[in-house]
Amino acid sequence: MALKLARLDFNVCFVDDPRIAELNARYRRKARPTDVLSFPWKGAGAGSALPRLIAGRPNAGHRSHARQRREFAGFLGDVVISAEAARRNARSARHSTAREIRWLILHGALHLLGYDHETDRGEMRVLELTLRERLGT
């Protein structure tokens, strides 16, 4: 099965641990650094259409194909990554920092699309691993 995705636009910003800790405290009320944060743009069409697009079934579910295309045509938001945390994660996992950054960008993008690994019973994790494999990361 071929991987067919609509174009998704978002910003990626790299910061240090103190800055991401500040953002994490301000927006998530967690006074500690983290590796990645996502800030959806309020006008973005976040939702769960991505799995249907991956499966090659863009008309599945309650949304029309045309509506899905409109939703994914715009800007999704911002992904903020701690470069320090990315390096630490990479060392710990024994892979490259470049690979870790690709994984963090993917993780952040899924959050921009409305996924939440803290509440979705593993759905986001399964999708993330599937995309890593299909994208060759």
Protein backbone atom coordinates (compact mmCIF):
# COMPACT_ATOMS: atom_id res chain seq x y z
CA MET A 1 0.00 0.00 0.00
CA ALA A 2 1.41 3.38 -0.97
CA LEU A 3 1.59 6.15 1.59
CA LYS A 4 -0.44 9.08 0.29
CA LEU A 5 -0.68 12.16 2.46
CA ALA A 6 -2.00 15.62 1.89
CA ARG A 7 0.41 18.49 2.33
CA LEU A 8 0.66 19.55 5.96
CA ASP A 9 2.23 22.91 6.80
CA PHE A 10 3.63 23.75 10.24
CA ASN A 11 6.62 25.47 11.80
CA VAL A 12 9.40 23.72 13.71
CA CYS A 13 11.38 25.73 16.26
CA PHE A 14 14.42 24.55 18.25
CA VAL A 15 14.99 25.88 21.76
CA ASP A 16 17.04 25.00 24.84
CA ASP A 17 15.80 23.24 27.98
CA PRO A 18 15.13 26.42 30.00
CA ARG A 19 12.95 27.87 27.23
CA ILE A 20 10.93 24.69 26.68
CA ALA A 21 10.52 24.34 30.47
CA GLU A 22 9.13 27.88 30.52
CA LEU A 23 6.69 27.06 27.71
CA ASN A 24 5.73 23.77 29.36
CA ALA A 25 5.00 25.56 32.65
CA ARG A 26 3.05 28.33 30.97
CA TYR A 27 0.88 26.25 28.65
CA ARG A 28 0.71 22.82 30.32
CA ARG A 29 1.31 23.77 33.95
CA LYS A 30 4.23 21.32 34.14
CA ALA A 31 7.29 23.07 35.57
CA ARG A 32 9.95 20.97 33.85
CA PRO A 33 11.58 20.64 30.45
CA THR A 34 10.17 18.24 27.89
CA ASP A 35 11.40 17.16 24.48
CA VAL A 36 8.60 18.48 22.25
CA LEU A 37 5.56 20.74 22.50
CA SER A 38 2.88 21.40 19.90
CA PHE A 39 0.82 24.54 19.55
CA PRO A 40 -2.10 24.07 17.13
CA TRP A 41 -3.23 27.08 15.19
CA LYS A 42 -6.82 27.74 16.17
CA GLY A 43 -8.02 27.74 12.57
CA ALA A 44 -6.40 24.41 11.70
CA GLY A 45 -8.61 21.49 10.75
CA ALA A 46 -7.28 19.16 13.45
CA GLY A 47 -8.98 15.83 13.66
CA SER A 48 -8.64 12.17 12.90
CA ALA A 49 -8.73 12.06 9.09
CA LEU A 50 -5.04 11.15 8.79
CA PRO A 51 -5.49 7.39 9.33
CA ARG A 52 -8.09 7.30 6.56
CA LEU A 53 -5.73 9.14 4.21
CA ILE A 54 -2.92 6.71 5.08
CA ALA A 55 -5.17 3.72 4.51
CA GLY A 56 -6.00 5.05 1.05
CA ARG A 57 -9.64 5.49 2.03
CA PRO A 58 -10.08 9.26 2.01
CA ASN A 59 -13.87 8.98 1.87
CA ALA A 60 -14.12 6.77 4.97
CA GLY A 61 -15.93 8.22 7.93
CA HIS A 62 -18.31 11.15 8.07
CA ARG A 63 -16.24 13.72 6.16
CA SER A 64 -16.26 14.10 2.41
CA HIS A 65 -12.98 13.88 0.48
CA ALA A 66 -13.31 17.53 -0.60
CA ARG A 67 -13.79 18.66 3.00
CA GLN A 68 -10.77 16.64 4.16
CA ARG A 69 -8.63 18.29 1.51
CA ARG A 70 -9.76 21.75 2.62
CA GLU A 71 -9.04 20.93 6.26
CA PHE A 72 -5.50 19.76 5.54
CA ALA A 73 -4.69 22.54 3.08
CA GLY A 74 -3.89 25.14 5.72
CA PHE A 75 -1.35 25.88 8.37
CA LEU A 76 -1.51 23.51 11.38
CA GLY A 77 0.59 25.33 13.98
CA ASP A 78 4.00 25.17 15.66
CA VAL A 79 6.17 22.33 16.95
CA VAL A 80 8.81 23.35 19.51
CA ILE A 81 11.69 20.94 20.15
CA SER A 82 14.33 21.07 22.86
CA ALA A 83 17.61 20.47 21.03
CA GLU A 84 19.20 19.44 24.34
CA ALA A 85 16.49 16.86 25.03
CA ALA A 86 16.75 15.55 21.46
CA ARG A 87 20.49 14.95 21.96
CA ARG A 88 19.88 13.24 25.33
CA ASN A 89 17.11 11.06 23.92
CA ALA A 90 19.29 10.05 20.97
CA ARG A 91 22.22 9.10 23.21
CA SER A 92 19.93 7.11 25.49
CA ALA A 93 18.31 5.28 22.56
CA ARG A 94 21.68 4.84 20.79
CA HIS A 95 20.61 6.40 17.53
CA SER A 96 21.44 9.65 15.78
CA THR A 97 20.24 13.05 16.88
CA ALA A 98 18.90 13.53 13.34
CA ARG A 99 16.69 10.44 13.72
CA GLU A 100 15.46 11.64 17.11
CA ILE A 101 14.59 15.04 15.66
CA ARG A 102 12.63 13.39 12.83
CA TRP A 103 10.73 11.35 15.43
CA LEU A 104 10.01 14.44 17.53
CA ILE A 105 8.78 16.35 14.49
CA LEU A 106 6.45 13.46 13.64
CA HIS A 107 5.26 13.25 17.25
CA GLY A 108 4.60 16.98 17.35
CA ALA A 109 2.80 16.92 13.99
CA LEU A 110 0.45 14.20 15.24
CA HIS A 111 -0.40 16.40 18.22
CA LEU A 112 -1.14 19.26 15.79
CA LEU A 113 -3.57 16.90 14.05
CA GLY A 114 -5.44 16.34 17.29
CA TYR A 115 -3.90 13.13 18.61
CA ASP A 116 -3.16 12.85 22.34
CA HIS A 117 -1.20 9.86 23.64
CA GLU A 118 -2.27 10.69 27.19
CA THR A 119 -5.94 9.98 26.43
CA ASP A 120 -6.23 7.87 23.26
CA ARG A 121 -5.48 4.35 24.57
CA GLY A 122 -2.42 3.91 22.35
CA GLU A 123 -3.91 5.06 19.04
CA MET A 124 -1.32 7.81 18.57
CA ARG A 125 1.58 5.50 19.43
CA VAL A 126 0.47 2.87 16.89
CA LEU A 127 0.08 5.53 14.21
CA GLU A 128 3.45 7.06 15.09
CA LEU A 129 5.25 3.69 14.79
CA THR A 130 3.44 2.93 11.52
CA LEU A 131 4.48 6.28 10.06
CA ARG A 132 8.08 5.88 11.22
CA GLU A 133 8.25 2.57 9.39
CA ARG A 134 6.53 3.80 6.23
CA LEU A 135 8.59 6.98 6.10
CA GLY A 136 11.81 5.07 6.70
CA THR A 137 12.75 6.93 9.84
